[in-house]
Each structure stands twice: as structure tokens, then as C-alpha cells.
């Protein structure tokens, strides 16, 4: 299974999500995408298998994801203080 976790700003929600997913489902591949480098690095430190930063990785990774997880703002234009 391929899970994409998307987060912005400081990445604290994404960090918590990645930790919980990896703790419960060790065999799952988790790709963390931060809308900025701070969010991406926070999710990498929490155990993500791979990271990316920016808008284009969100589009590309979402095509093949089995599950996309993130804050509610990822479905709204201009959310997260304009990061989405």
C-alpha cells in the first residue's frame, strides 16, 4: 500500500500522522509531501519512507496513491495561509 501524507506550515500534523501510520502498519510505504521544506523535514524525522517538497510532487504522487491523508485544508484552494 502506498500512502501520501501532505502537510504544510510546521508539519506537526503530518509528523503525527506519519508516526501513527508507521507504528501501526510497518509494511506500508509512506511518502510525505510538505508544502515547504520545514514540513517535509519534520515528516522525514518521524519515519516517512520518502519526502518531497512543493506543489508538483503533490500532483504527481496523488496519481498513484492508495490513500491521501492531510489536514482538511488540502482540499481547499488558498488554504494553510496560501500554501495550498
N, C-alpha and C. Protein backbone atom coordinates (compact mmCIF):
# COMPACT_ATOMS: atom_id res chain seq x y z
N UNK A 1 0.84 -1.18 0.00
CA UNK A 1 0.00 0.00 0.00
C UNK A 1 0.89 1.25 0.00
N UNK A 2 0.45 2.25 -0.72
CA UNK A 2 1.20 3.49 -0.88
C UNK A 2 0.36 4.64 -0.31
N UNK A 3 0.82 5.24 0.79
CA UNK A 3 0.10 6.33 1.44
C UNK A 3 0.88 7.63 1.25
N UNK A 4 0.18 8.68 0.86
CA UNK A 4 0.76 10.01 0.73
C UNK A 4 0.22 10.88 1.85
N UNK A 5 1.14 11.47 2.62
CA UNK A 5 0.76 12.39 3.68
C UNK A 5 1.19 13.78 3.23
N UNK A 6 0.24 14.72 3.20
CA UNK A 6 0.51 16.08 2.76
C UNK A 6 0.30 17.01 3.95
N UNK A 7 1.26 17.91 4.17
CA UNK A 7 1.11 18.90 5.25
C UNK A 7 1.92 20.13 4.91
N UNK A 8 1.62 21.21 5.57
CA UNK A 8 2.31 22.47 5.36
C UNK A 8 2.69 23.10 6.67
N UNK A 9 3.00 24.38 6.62
CA UNK A 9 3.42 25.17 7.77
C UNK A 9 4.54 24.44 8.51
N UNK A 10 4.38 24.06 9.76
CA UNK A 10 5.45 23.40 10.50
C UNK A 10 5.48 21.89 10.37
N UNK A 11 4.44 21.32 9.81
CA UNK A 11 4.41 19.88 9.61
C UNK A 11 4.05 19.06 10.83
N UNK A 12 3.51 19.68 11.86
CA UNK A 12 3.24 18.94 13.10
C UNK A 12 2.14 17.89 12.94
N UNK A 13 1.09 18.20 12.20
CA UNK A 13 0.04 17.22 11.97
C UNK A 13 0.58 16.07 11.11
N UNK A 14 1.31 16.41 10.06
CA UNK A 14 1.90 15.39 9.20
C UNK A 14 2.86 14.49 9.96
N UNK A 15 3.63 15.08 10.85
CA UNK A 15 4.57 14.32 11.67
C UNK A 15 3.83 13.30 12.53
N UNK A 16 2.75 13.73 13.16
CA UNK A 16 1.96 12.83 14.00
C UNK A 16 1.31 11.72 13.17
N UNK A 17 0.83 12.07 11.98
CA UNK A 17 0.21 11.08 11.11
C UNK A 17 1.21 10.02 10.66
N UNK A 18 2.39 10.47 10.24
CA UNK A 18 3.42 9.52 9.79
C UNK A 18 3.83 8.60 10.92
N UNK A 19 4.04 9.13 12.11
CA UNK A 19 4.40 8.30 13.26
C UNK A 19 3.34 7.25 13.54
N UNK A 20 2.07 7.64 13.53
CA UNK A 20 0.99 6.71 13.82
C UNK A 20 0.87 5.63 12.75
N UNK A 21 1.01 6.02 11.49
CA UNK A 21 0.90 5.06 10.39
C UNK A 21 2.04 4.04 10.45
N UNK A 22 3.27 4.52 10.62
CA UNK A 22 4.42 3.62 10.64
C UNK A 22 4.42 2.71 11.87
N UNK A 23 3.88 3.21 12.97
CA UNK A 23 3.80 2.38 14.18
C UNK A 23 2.80 1.24 14.00
N UNK A 24 1.68 1.54 13.38
CA UNK A 24 0.61 0.55 13.23
C UNK A 24 0.79 -0.34 12.01
N UNK A 25 1.28 0.22 10.91
CA UNK A 25 1.41 -0.51 9.64
C UNK A 25 2.85 -0.37 9.13
N UNK A 26 3.75 -1.18 9.63
CA UNK A 26 5.17 -1.07 9.29
C UNK A 26 5.45 -1.36 7.81
N UNK A 27 4.67 -2.19 7.18
CA UNK A 27 4.91 -2.60 5.79
C UNK A 27 4.43 -1.57 4.77
N UNK A 28 3.74 -0.54 5.19
CA UNK A 28 3.18 0.46 4.29
C UNK A 28 4.26 1.47 3.90
N UNK A 29 4.29 1.85 2.62
CA UNK A 29 5.20 2.88 2.14
C UNK A 29 4.53 4.24 2.34
N UNK A 30 5.20 5.13 3.06
CA UNK A 30 4.65 6.45 3.33
C UNK A 30 5.51 7.51 2.65
N UNK A 31 4.91 8.24 1.72
CA UNK A 31 5.56 9.37 1.07
C UNK A 31 5.01 10.63 1.70
N UNK A 32 5.88 11.43 2.30
CA UNK A 32 5.48 12.68 2.93
C UNK A 32 5.77 13.84 2.00
N UNK A 33 4.76 14.65 1.75
CA UNK A 33 4.95 15.82 0.89
C UNK A 33 4.64 17.06 1.71
N UNK A 34 5.65 17.89 1.85
CA UNK A 34 5.48 19.15 2.56
C UNK A 34 5.32 20.29 1.57
N UNK A 35 4.47 21.22 1.90
CA UNK A 35 4.34 22.39 1.03
C UNK A 35 5.53 23.32 1.22
N UNK A 36 6.34 23.03 2.24
CA UNK A 36 7.59 23.76 2.45
C UNK A 36 8.62 22.78 3.04
N UNK A 37 9.87 23.18 3.05
CA UNK A 37 10.93 22.27 3.50
C UNK A 37 10.85 21.96 4.99
N UNK A 38 10.35 22.87 5.79
CA UNK A 38 10.21 22.63 7.23
C UNK A 38 9.22 21.49 7.48
N UNK A 39 8.09 21.51 6.80
CA UNK A 39 7.10 20.45 6.96
C UNK A 39 7.64 19.12 6.46
N UNK A 40 8.32 19.13 5.32
CA UNK A 40 8.87 17.89 4.76
C UNK A 40 9.91 17.27 5.68
N UNK A 41 10.80 18.08 6.23
CA UNK A 41 11.85 17.53 7.10
C UNK A 41 11.27 17.02 8.41
N UNK A 42 10.22 17.64 8.93
CA UNK A 42 9.58 17.15 10.15
C UNK A 42 8.99 15.77 9.93
N UNK A 43 8.37 15.57 8.77
CA UNK A 43 7.78 14.26 8.48
C UNK A 43 8.84 13.21 8.19
N UNK A 44 9.96 13.60 7.62
CA UNK A 44 11.06 12.66 7.41
C UNK A 44 11.62 12.17 8.74
N UNK A 45 11.79 13.09 9.67
CA UNK A 45 12.30 12.71 11.01
C UNK A 45 11.35 11.78 11.74
N UNK A 46 10.07 11.83 11.40
CA UNK A 46 9.10 10.98 12.09
C UNK A 46 8.99 9.58 11.48
N UNK A 47 9.73 9.33 10.40
CA UNK A 47 9.78 7.97 9.87
C UNK A 47 9.24 7.77 8.47
N UNK A 48 8.97 8.82 7.74
CA UNK A 48 8.48 8.67 6.36
C UNK A 48 9.53 7.97 5.51
N UNK A 49 9.08 7.18 4.56
CA UNK A 49 9.99 6.46 3.68
C UNK A 49 10.59 7.35 2.61
N UNK A 50 9.89 8.41 2.26
CA UNK A 50 10.38 9.35 1.26
C UNK A 50 9.72 10.69 1.48
N UNK A 51 10.37 11.75 0.99
CA UNK A 51 9.77 13.08 1.11
C UNK A 51 9.91 13.84 -0.20
N UNK A 52 9.07 14.84 -0.34
CA UNK A 52 9.15 15.76 -1.46
C UNK A 52 8.60 17.09 -0.97
N UNK A 53 8.94 18.15 -1.69
CA UNK A 53 8.51 19.48 -1.29
C UNK A 53 7.94 20.22 -2.49
N UNK A 54 6.80 20.86 -2.31
CA UNK A 54 6.25 21.71 -3.35
C UNK A 54 4.93 21.24 -3.91
N UNK A 55 4.43 22.01 -4.88
CA UNK A 55 3.12 21.73 -5.46
C UNK A 55 3.14 20.57 -6.45
N UNK A 56 4.13 20.53 -7.32
CA UNK A 56 4.15 19.49 -8.34
C UNK A 56 4.23 18.08 -7.75
N UNK A 57 5.03 17.83 -6.71
CA UNK A 57 5.03 16.49 -6.12
C UNK A 57 3.66 16.05 -5.60
N UNK A 58 2.86 16.99 -5.15
CA UNK A 58 1.51 16.66 -4.70
C UNK A 58 0.70 16.09 -5.86
N UNK A 59 0.76 16.76 -7.00
CA UNK A 59 0.02 16.32 -8.18
C UNK A 59 0.52 14.96 -8.66
N UNK A 60 1.82 14.80 -8.79
CA UNK A 60 2.40 13.57 -9.31
C UNK A 60 2.16 12.39 -8.36
N UNK A 61 2.40 12.57 -7.07
CA UNK A 61 2.26 11.48 -6.11
C UNK A 61 0.81 11.08 -5.90
N UNK A 62 -0.10 12.01 -6.04
CA UNK A 62 -1.52 11.72 -5.82
C UNK A 62 -2.08 10.78 -6.88
N UNK A 63 -1.47 10.75 -8.05
CA UNK A 63 -1.95 9.88 -9.12
C UNK A 63 -1.88 8.41 -8.76
N UNK A 64 -0.83 8.02 -8.04
CA UNK A 64 -0.59 6.60 -7.73
C UNK A 64 -0.85 6.23 -6.28
N UNK A 65 -1.36 7.16 -5.49
CA UNK A 65 -1.56 6.90 -4.07
C UNK A 65 -2.80 6.04 -3.84
N UNK A 66 -2.68 5.11 -2.90
CA UNK A 66 -3.84 4.34 -2.46
C UNK A 66 -4.67 5.15 -1.47
N UNK A 67 -4.00 6.03 -0.73
CA UNK A 67 -4.66 6.83 0.30
C UNK A 67 -3.91 8.14 0.43
N UNK A 68 -4.64 9.25 0.50
CA UNK A 68 -4.05 10.57 0.69
C UNK A 68 -4.57 11.10 2.02
N UNK A 69 -3.64 11.50 2.89
CA UNK A 69 -4.01 11.96 4.23
C UNK A 69 -3.39 13.33 4.46
N UNK A 70 -4.11 14.19 5.15
CA UNK A 70 -3.60 15.51 5.49
C UNK A 70 -4.66 16.33 6.18
N UNK A 71 -4.36 17.58 6.46
CA UNK A 71 -5.35 18.45 7.09
C UNK A 71 -6.49 18.75 6.11
N UNK A 72 -7.62 19.14 6.63
CA UNK A 72 -8.78 19.44 5.81
C UNK A 72 -8.48 20.50 4.76
N UNK A 73 -7.55 21.39 5.04
CA UNK A 73 -7.20 22.46 4.13
C UNK A 73 -6.62 22.01 2.80
N UNK A 74 -6.19 20.75 2.68
CA UNK A 74 -5.59 20.31 1.42
C UNK A 74 -6.62 20.19 0.29
N UNK A 75 -7.91 20.27 0.63
CA UNK A 75 -8.93 20.20 -0.41
C UNK A 75 -9.47 21.58 -0.78
N UNK A 76 -8.92 22.63 -0.17
CA UNK A 76 -9.42 23.98 -0.38
C UNK A 76 -8.33 24.87 -0.96
N UNK A 77 -8.63 25.55 -2.04
CA UNK A 77 -7.66 26.47 -2.64
C UNK A 77 -7.31 27.58 -1.66
N UNK A 78 -6.05 27.98 -1.66
CA UNK A 78 -5.51 29.05 -0.83
C UNK A 78 -5.56 28.76 0.68
N UNK A 79 -5.68 27.50 1.04
CA UNK A 79 -5.70 27.13 2.46
C UNK A 79 -4.28 27.11 3.04
N UNK A 80 -4.20 26.89 4.32
CA UNK A 80 -2.92 26.87 5.06
C UNK A 80 -2.12 28.13 4.78
N UNK A 81 -2.78 29.26 4.91
CA UNK A 81 -2.14 30.58 4.68
C UNK A 81 -1.56 30.71 3.29
N UNK A 82 -2.24 30.14 2.31
CA UNK A 82 -1.82 30.26 0.92
C UNK A 82 -0.86 29.20 0.44
N UNK A 83 -0.50 28.24 1.28
CA UNK A 83 0.45 27.20 0.87
C UNK A 83 -0.18 26.17 -0.08
N UNK A 84 -1.48 26.06 -0.05
CA UNK A 84 -2.18 25.10 -0.92
C UNK A 84 -2.78 25.87 -2.09
